[in-house]
Amino acid sequence: MAAPAYTPIPSNPFSGAFPEAVQNQASSFGLSYLQKFREERLSSLRPVSEFFDKNRFSQPNGLSNVTSRLNYNLTYFQGNYLIIFIAITAYSILTNLWLMFSVAFMVGGMYFISRVPPEGVVIASNTFTPGQLRTYMIIASVPLFFLSSTLGTIFWIVGASAVLILGHAAVMQEGIEGDFVATV
């Protein structure tokens, strides 16, 4: 039986680029994921004039009215609420420089560790495997994330998003589209 033909990949990741087939798979995965995200999540994006229609804002009559508004508006304005959540997250990361540095340190470190060959790298006559380097990266990142108040930022993002999104969904009256769906 003949040995299968293959193209050897260089063991040193810094010596060259990935084979073209691997690059095409990686780029198509990223592009297909973004295209799928745009088609599924952002397809329900409603116009700003409809999202901020002041004629549809009103105080709800009771808990049953709030519940029905939440059920309708959370699905109807799903894309708009996702944009609000992404904007709040981006704002909180951009305004917290320590958190931005911590995220960049962690992502950059993991990227460079992924480029280390399986046999390891020699630093000052010591050989470190990728697993050891990941462990050291996590040990170094924990204090950075602690100092950048990551948990506080996460709770702030969740709280601000909940107040804005649920508040908007509770005071926005259901559209007349809901009446047509109920009768059909």
C-alpha atoms as a PDB file:
ATOM      1  CA  MET A   1       0.000   0.000   0.000  1.00  0.00           C
ATOM      2  CA  ALA A   2       1.417   3.372  -0.997  1.00  0.00           C
ATOM      3  CA  ALA A   3       1.831   6.126   1.527  1.00  0.00           C
ATOM      4  CA  PRO A   4      -0.639   9.000   1.092  1.00  0.00           C
ATOM      5  CA  ALA A   5       0.695  12.126  -0.483  1.00  0.00           C
ATOM      6  CA  TYR A   6       0.726  15.142   1.798  1.00  0.00           C
ATOM      7  CA  THR A   7       2.264  18.546   2.052  1.00  0.00           C
ATOM      8  CA  PRO A   8       4.394  18.858   5.170  1.00  0.00           C
ATOM      9  CA  ILE A   9       3.677  21.850   7.367  1.00  0.00           C
ATOM     10  CA  PRO A  10       6.804  23.528   8.725  1.00  0.00           C
ATOM     11  CA  SER A  11       7.343  22.871  12.450  1.00  0.00           C
ATOM     12  CA  ASN A  12       8.403  26.461  13.030  1.00  0.00           C
ATOM     13  CA  PRO A  13       5.250  28.601  12.846  1.00  0.00           C
ATOM     14  CA  PHE A  14       7.260  31.782  12.389  1.00  0.00           C
ATOM     15  CA  SER A  15       8.966  30.523   9.221  1.00  0.00           C
ATOM     16  CA  GLY A  16       6.087  30.953   6.809  1.00  0.00           C
ATOM     17  CA  ALA A  17       2.388  31.183   6.211  1.00  0.00           C
ATOM     18  CA  PHE A  18      -0.240  28.497   6.535  1.00  0.00           C
ATOM     19  CA  PRO A  19      -0.991  26.365   3.492  1.00  0.00           C
ATOM     20  CA  GLU A  20      -3.561  27.951   1.188  1.00  0.00           C
ATOM     21  CA  ALA A  21      -6.268  25.378   1.999  1.00  0.00           C
ATOM     22  CA  VAL A  22      -6.045  26.166   5.714  1.00  0.00           C
ATOM     23  CA  GLN A  23      -6.158  29.909   5.024  1.00  0.00           C
ATOM     24  CA  ASN A  24      -9.251  29.528   2.832  1.00  0.00           C
ATOM     25  CA  GLN A  25     -11.031  27.482   5.510  1.00  0.00           C
ATOM     26  CA  ALA A  26     -10.213  29.994   8.224  1.00  0.00           C
ATOM     27  CA  SER A  27     -11.230  33.014   6.183  1.00  0.00           C
ATOM     28  CA  SER A  28     -14.415  31.386   4.920  1.00  0.00           C
ATOM     29  CA  PHE A  29     -15.343  30.417   8.486  1.00  0.00           C
ATOM     30  CA  GLY A  30     -14.952  33.990   9.680  1.00  0.00           C
ATOM     31  CA  LEU A  31     -16.813  35.478   6.743  1.00  0.00           C
ATOM     32  CA  SER A  32     -19.572  32.888   6.848  1.00  0.00           C
ATOM     33  CA  TYR A  33     -20.026  33.466  10.581  1.00  0.00           C
ATOM     34  CA  LEU A  34     -20.340  37.216  10.071  1.00  0.00           C
ATOM     35  CA  GLN A  35     -22.710  36.734   7.137  1.00  0.00           C
ATOM     36  CA  LYS A  36     -24.843  34.304   9.154  1.00  0.00           C
ATOM     37  CA  PHE A  37     -24.872  36.741  12.107  1.00  0.00           C
ATOM     38  CA  ARG A  38     -25.964  39.584   9.833  1.00  0.00           C
ATOM     39  CA  GLU A  39     -28.691  37.523   8.176  1.00  0.00           C
ATOM     40  CA  GLU A  40     -30.114  36.046  11.382  1.00  0.00           C
ATOM     41  CA  ARG A  41     -29.715  38.712  14.046  1.00  0.00           C
ATOM     42  CA  LEU A  42     -29.537  41.997  12.208  1.00  0.00           C
ATOM     43  CA  SER A  43     -32.275  41.153   9.725  1.00  0.00           C
ATOM     44  CA  SER A  44     -34.813  42.144  12.369  1.00  0.00           C
ATOM     45  CA  LEU A  45     -33.246  45.605  12.697  1.00  0.00           C
ATOM     46  CA  ARG A  46     -36.040  48.176  12.666  1.00  0.00           C
ATOM     47  CA  PRO A  47     -35.699  51.781  11.488  1.00  0.00           C
ATOM     48  CA  VAL A  48     -34.742  54.388  14.095  1.00  0.00           C
ATOM     49  CA  SER A  49     -37.976  56.300  13.418  1.00  0.00           C
ATOM     50  CA  GLU A  50     -39.980  53.211  14.357  1.00  0.00           C
ATOM     51  CA  PHE A  51     -37.769  52.390  17.349  1.00  0.00           C
ATOM     52  CA  PHE A  52     -38.166  55.898  18.811  1.00  0.00           C
ATOM     53  CA  ASP A  53     -41.770  56.533  17.693  1.00  0.00           C
ATOM     54  CA  LYS A  54     -42.967  58.932  20.410  1.00  0.00           C
ATOM     55  CA  ASN A  55     -46.617  58.284  19.528  1.00  0.00           C
ATOM     56  CA  ARG A  56     -46.272  54.664  20.685  1.00  0.00           C
ATOM     57  CA  PHE A  57     -44.724  55.460  24.080  1.00  0.00           C
ATOM     58  CA  SER A  58     -47.207  55.211  26.930  1.00  0.00           C
ATOM     59  CA  GLN A  59     -47.409  54.131  30.530  1.00  0.00           C
ATOM     60  CA  PRO A  60     -48.532  50.501  30.860  1.00  0.00           C
ATOM     61  CA  ASN A  61     -51.849  49.849  32.640  1.00  0.00           C
ATOM     62  CA  GLY A  62     -50.795  46.855  34.700  1.00  0.00           C
ATOM     63  CA  LEU A  63     -48.546  43.848  35.001  1.00  0.00           C
ATOM     64  CA  SER A  64     -50.374  41.910  32.278  1.00  0.00           C
ATOM     65  CA  ASN A  65     -49.934  44.859  29.900  1.00  0.00           C
ATOM     66  CA  VAL A  66     -46.196  45.048  30.734  1.00  0.00           C
ATOM     67  CA  THR A  67     -45.835  41.307  30.150  1.00  0.00           C
ATOM     68  CA  SER A  68     -47.538  41.399  26.769  1.00  0.00           C
ATOM     69  CA  ARG A  69     -45.463  44.428  25.703  1.00  0.00           C
ATOM     70  CA  LEU A  70     -42.241  42.716  26.776  1.00  0.00           C
ATOM     71  CA  ASN A  71     -43.159  39.540  24.883  1.00  0.00           C
ATOM     72  CA  TYR A  72     -43.939  41.483  21.724  1.00  0.00           C
ATOM     73  CA  ASN A  73     -41.211  44.140  21.769  1.00  0.00           C
ATOM     74  CA  LEU A  74     -38.306  41.887  22.782  1.00  0.00           C
ATOM     75  CA  THR A  75     -38.825  39.782  19.668  1.00  0.00           C
ATOM     76  CA  TYR A  76     -39.891  42.614  17.359  1.00  0.00           C
ATOM     77  CA  PHE A  77     -36.939  44.911  18.196  1.00  0.00           C
ATOM     78  CA  GLN A  78     -34.428  42.102  18.745  1.00  0.00           C
ATOM     79  CA  GLY A  79     -31.824  43.522  16.334  1.00  0.00           C
ATOM     80  CA  ASN A  80     -32.087  47.025  17.813  1.00  0.00           C
ATOM     81  CA  TYR A  81     -31.644  45.678  21.335  1.00  0.00           C
ATOM     82  CA  LEU A  82     -28.592  43.700  20.212  1.00  0.00           C
ATOM     83  CA  ILE A  83     -27.055  46.899  18.798  1.00  0.00           C
ATOM     84  CA  ILE A  84     -27.725  48.654  22.132  1.00  0.00           C
ATOM     85  CA  PHE A  85     -26.028  45.828  24.036  1.00  0.00           C
ATOM     86  CA  ILE A  86     -22.998  45.870  21.718  1.00  0.00           C
ATOM     87  CA  ALA A  87     -22.737  49.670  22.012  1.00  0.00           C
ATOM     88  CA  ILE A  88     -22.847  49.537  25.818  1.00  0.00           C
ATOM     89  CA  THR A  89     -20.213  46.797  25.853  1.00  0.00           C
ATOM     90  CA  ALA A  90     -17.921  48.703  23.477  1.00  0.00           C
ATOM     91  CA  TYR A  91     -18.371  51.902  25.503  1.00  0.00           C
ATOM     92  CA  SER A  92     -17.505  50.173  28.768  1.00  0.00           C
ATOM     93  CA  ILE A  93     -14.381  48.547  27.336  1.00  0.00           C
ATOM     94  CA  LEU A  94     -13.175  51.722  25.603  1.00  0.00           C
ATOM     95  CA  THR A  95     -13.629  53.849  28.724  1.00  0.00           C
ATOM     96  CA  ASN A  96     -11.810  51.381  30.995  1.00  0.00           C
ATOM     97  CA  LEU A  97      -8.194  51.498  29.812  1.00  0.00           C
ATOM     98  CA  TRP A  98      -7.039  48.817  32.254  1.00  0.00           C
ATOM     99  CA  LEU A  99      -9.679  46.435  30.960  1.00  0.00           C
ATOM    100  CA  MET A 100      -8.767  47.215  27.357  1.00  0.00           C
ATOM    101  CA  PHE A 101      -5.091  46.545  28.157  1.00  0.00           C
ATOM    102  CA  SER A 102      -5.990  43.297  29.968  1.00  0.00           C
ATOM    103  CA  VAL A 103      -8.065  42.008  27.061  1.00  0.00           C
ATOM    104  CA  ALA A 104      -5.354  42.943  24.546  1.00  0.00           C
ATOM    105  CA  PHE A 105      -2.691  41.283  26.730  1.00  0.00           C
ATOM    106  CA  MET A 106      -4.712  38.068  27.032  1.00  0.00           C
ATOM    107  CA  VAL A 107      -5.722  37.858  23.354  1.00  0.00           C
ATOM    108  CA  GLY A 108      -2.238  38.768  22.116  1.00  0.00           C
ATOM    109  CA  GLY A 109      -0.560  36.346  24.500  1.00  0.00           C
ATOM    110  CA  MET A 110      -2.820  33.484  23.514  1.00  0.00           C
ATOM    111  CA  TYR A 111      -2.230  34.279  19.837  1.00  0.00           C
ATOM    112  CA  PHE A 112       1.544  34.099  20.252  1.00  0.00           C
ATOM    113  CA  ILE A 113       1.287  30.948  22.373  1.00  0.00           C
ATOM    114  CA  SER A 114      -0.768  29.305  19.625  1.00  0.00           C
ATOM    115  CA  ARG A 115       2.144  29.968  17.262  1.00  0.00           C
ATOM    116  CA  VAL A 116       4.659  28.094  19.492  1.00  0.00           C
ATOM    117  CA  PRO A 117       5.621  24.650  18.141  1.00  0.00           C
ATOM    118  CA  PRO A 118       4.495  21.579  20.145  1.00  0.00           C
ATOM    119  CA  GLU A 119       8.040  20.824  21.249  1.00  0.00           C
ATOM    120  CA  GLY A 120       8.118  24.145  23.084  1.00  0.00           C
ATOM    121  CA  VAL A 121      10.271  27.201  23.136  1.00  0.00           C
ATOM    122  CA  VAL A 122      13.588  27.726  24.919  1.00  0.00           C
ATOM    123  CA  ILE A 123      13.814  30.803  27.122  1.00  0.00           C
ATOM    124  CA  ALA A 124      16.964  31.283  29.212  1.00  0.00           C
ATOM    125  CA  SER A 125      17.995  27.598  28.925  1.00  0.00           C
ATOM    126  CA  ASN A 126      14.521  26.434  30.047  1.00  0.00           C
ATOM    127  CA  THR A 127      12.099  24.728  27.679  1.00  0.00           C
ATOM    128  CA  PHE A 128       8.443  25.758  28.015  1.00  0.00           C
ATOM    129  CA  THR A 129       5.632  23.839  26.341  1.00  0.00           C
ATOM    130  CA  PRO A 130       2.531  25.638  25.042  1.00  0.00           C
ATOM    131  CA  GLY A 131       0.518  24.228  27.976  1.00  0.00           C
ATOM    132  CA  GLN A 132       2.945  25.716  30.497  1.00  0.00           C
ATOM    133  CA  LEU A 133       2.906  29.049  28.677  1.00  0.00           C
ATOM    134  CA  ARG A 134      -0.923  29.104  28.764  1.00  0.00           C
ATOM    135  CA  THR A 135      -0.837  28.443  32.499  1.00  0.00           C
ATOM    136  CA  TYR A 136       1.614  31.299  33.059  1.00  0.00           C
ATOM    137  CA  MET A 137      -0.524  33.546  30.850  1.00  0.00           C
ATOM    138  CA  ILE A 138      -3.607  32.822  32.949  1.00  0.00           C
ATOM    139  CA  ILE A 139      -1.655  33.380  36.182  1.00  0.00           C
ATOM    140  CA  ALA A 140      -0.427  36.737  34.868  1.00  0.00           C
ATOM    141  CA  SER A 141      -3.883  37.735  33.548  1.00  0.00           C
ATOM    142  CA  VAL A 142      -5.871  37.113  36.733  1.00  0.00           C
ATOM    143  CA  PRO A 143      -4.360  40.093  38.618  1.00  0.00           C
ATOM    144  CA  LEU A 144      -4.727  42.277  35.528  1.00  0.00           C
ATOM    145  CA  PHE A 145      -8.431  41.469  35.206  1.00  0.00           C
ATOM    146  CA  PHE A 146      -8.867  41.930  38.957  1.00  0.00           C
ATOM    147  CA  LEU A 147      -7.226  45.380  38.853  1.00  0.00           C
ATOM    148  CA  SER A 148      -9.318  46.393  35.853  1.00  0.00           C
ATOM    149  CA  SER A 149     -12.540  45.630  37.787  1.00  0.00           C
ATOM    150  CA  THR A 150     -13.852  43.187  35.216  1.00  0.00           C
ATOM    151  CA  LEU A 151     -16.699  41.893  37.377  1.00  0.00           C
ATOM    152  CA  GLY A 152     -17.906  45.423  38.051  1.00  0.00           C
ATOM    153  CA  THR A 153     -17.833  46.168  34.349  1.00  0.00           C
ATOM    154  CA  ILE A 154     -19.784  42.995  33.533  1.00  0.00           C
ATOM    155  CA  PHE A 155     -22.436  43.836  36.124  1.00  0.00           C
ATOM    156  CA  TRP A 156     -22.606  47.415  34.812  1.00  0.00           C
ATOM    157  CA  ILE A 157     -23.104  46.158  31.239  1.00  0.00           C
ATOM    158  CA  VAL A 158     -25.850  43.750  32.321  1.00  0.00           C
ATOM    159  CA  GLY A 159     -27.560  46.365  34.507  1.00  0.00           C
ATOM    160  CA  ALA A 160     -27.424  49.200  31.993  1.00  0.00           C
ATOM    161  CA  SER A 161     -28.597  46.928  29.188  1.00  0.00           C
ATOM    162  CA  ALA A 162     -31.458  45.566  31.282  1.00  0.00           C
ATOM    163  CA  VAL A 163     -32.656  49.036  32.301  1.00  0.00           C
ATOM    164  CA  LEU A 164     -32.513  50.437  28.772  1.00  0.00           C
ATOM    165  CA  ILE A 165     -33.863  47.423  26.909  1.00  0.00           C
ATOM    166  CA  LEU A 166     -36.552  46.337  29.364  1.00  0.00           C
ATOM    167  CA  GLY A 167     -37.533  49.958  29.987  1.00  0.00           C
ATOM    168  CA  HIS A 168     -37.989  50.617  26.287  1.00  0.00           C
ATOM    169  CA  ALA A 169     -39.871  47.348  25.762  1.00  0.00           C
ATOM    170  CA  ALA A 170     -42.208  48.083  28.692  1.00  0.00           C
ATOM    171  CA  VAL A 171     -43.240  51.595  27.618  1.00  0.00           C
ATOM    172  CA  MET A 172     -43.484  50.958  23.861  1.00  0.00           C
ATOM    173  CA  GLN A 173     -46.988  49.973  22.790  1.00  0.00           C
ATOM    174  CA  GLU A 174     -47.409  46.904  20.648  1.00  0.00           C
ATOM    175  CA  GLY A 175     -47.666  47.599  16.943  1.00  0.00           C
ATOM    176  CA  ILE A 176     -50.714  46.944  14.879  1.00  0.00           C
ATOM    177  CA  GLU A 177     -48.811  44.059  13.266  1.00  0.00           C
ATOM    178  CA  GLY A 178     -49.538  42.067  16.427  1.00  0.00           C
ATOM    179  CA  ASP A 179     -53.303  42.490  15.923  1.00  0.00           C
ATOM    180  CA  PHE A 180     -53.102  41.054  12.403  1.00  0.00           C
ATOM    181  CA  VAL A 181     -51.067  38.077  13.573  1.00  0.00           C
ATOM    182  CA  ALA A 182     -53.559  37.362  16.375  1.00  0.00           C
ATOM    183  CA  THR A 183     -56.537  37.275  14.003  1.00  0.00           C
ATOM    184  CA  VAL A 184     -54.946  35.094  11.332  1.00  0.00           C
END
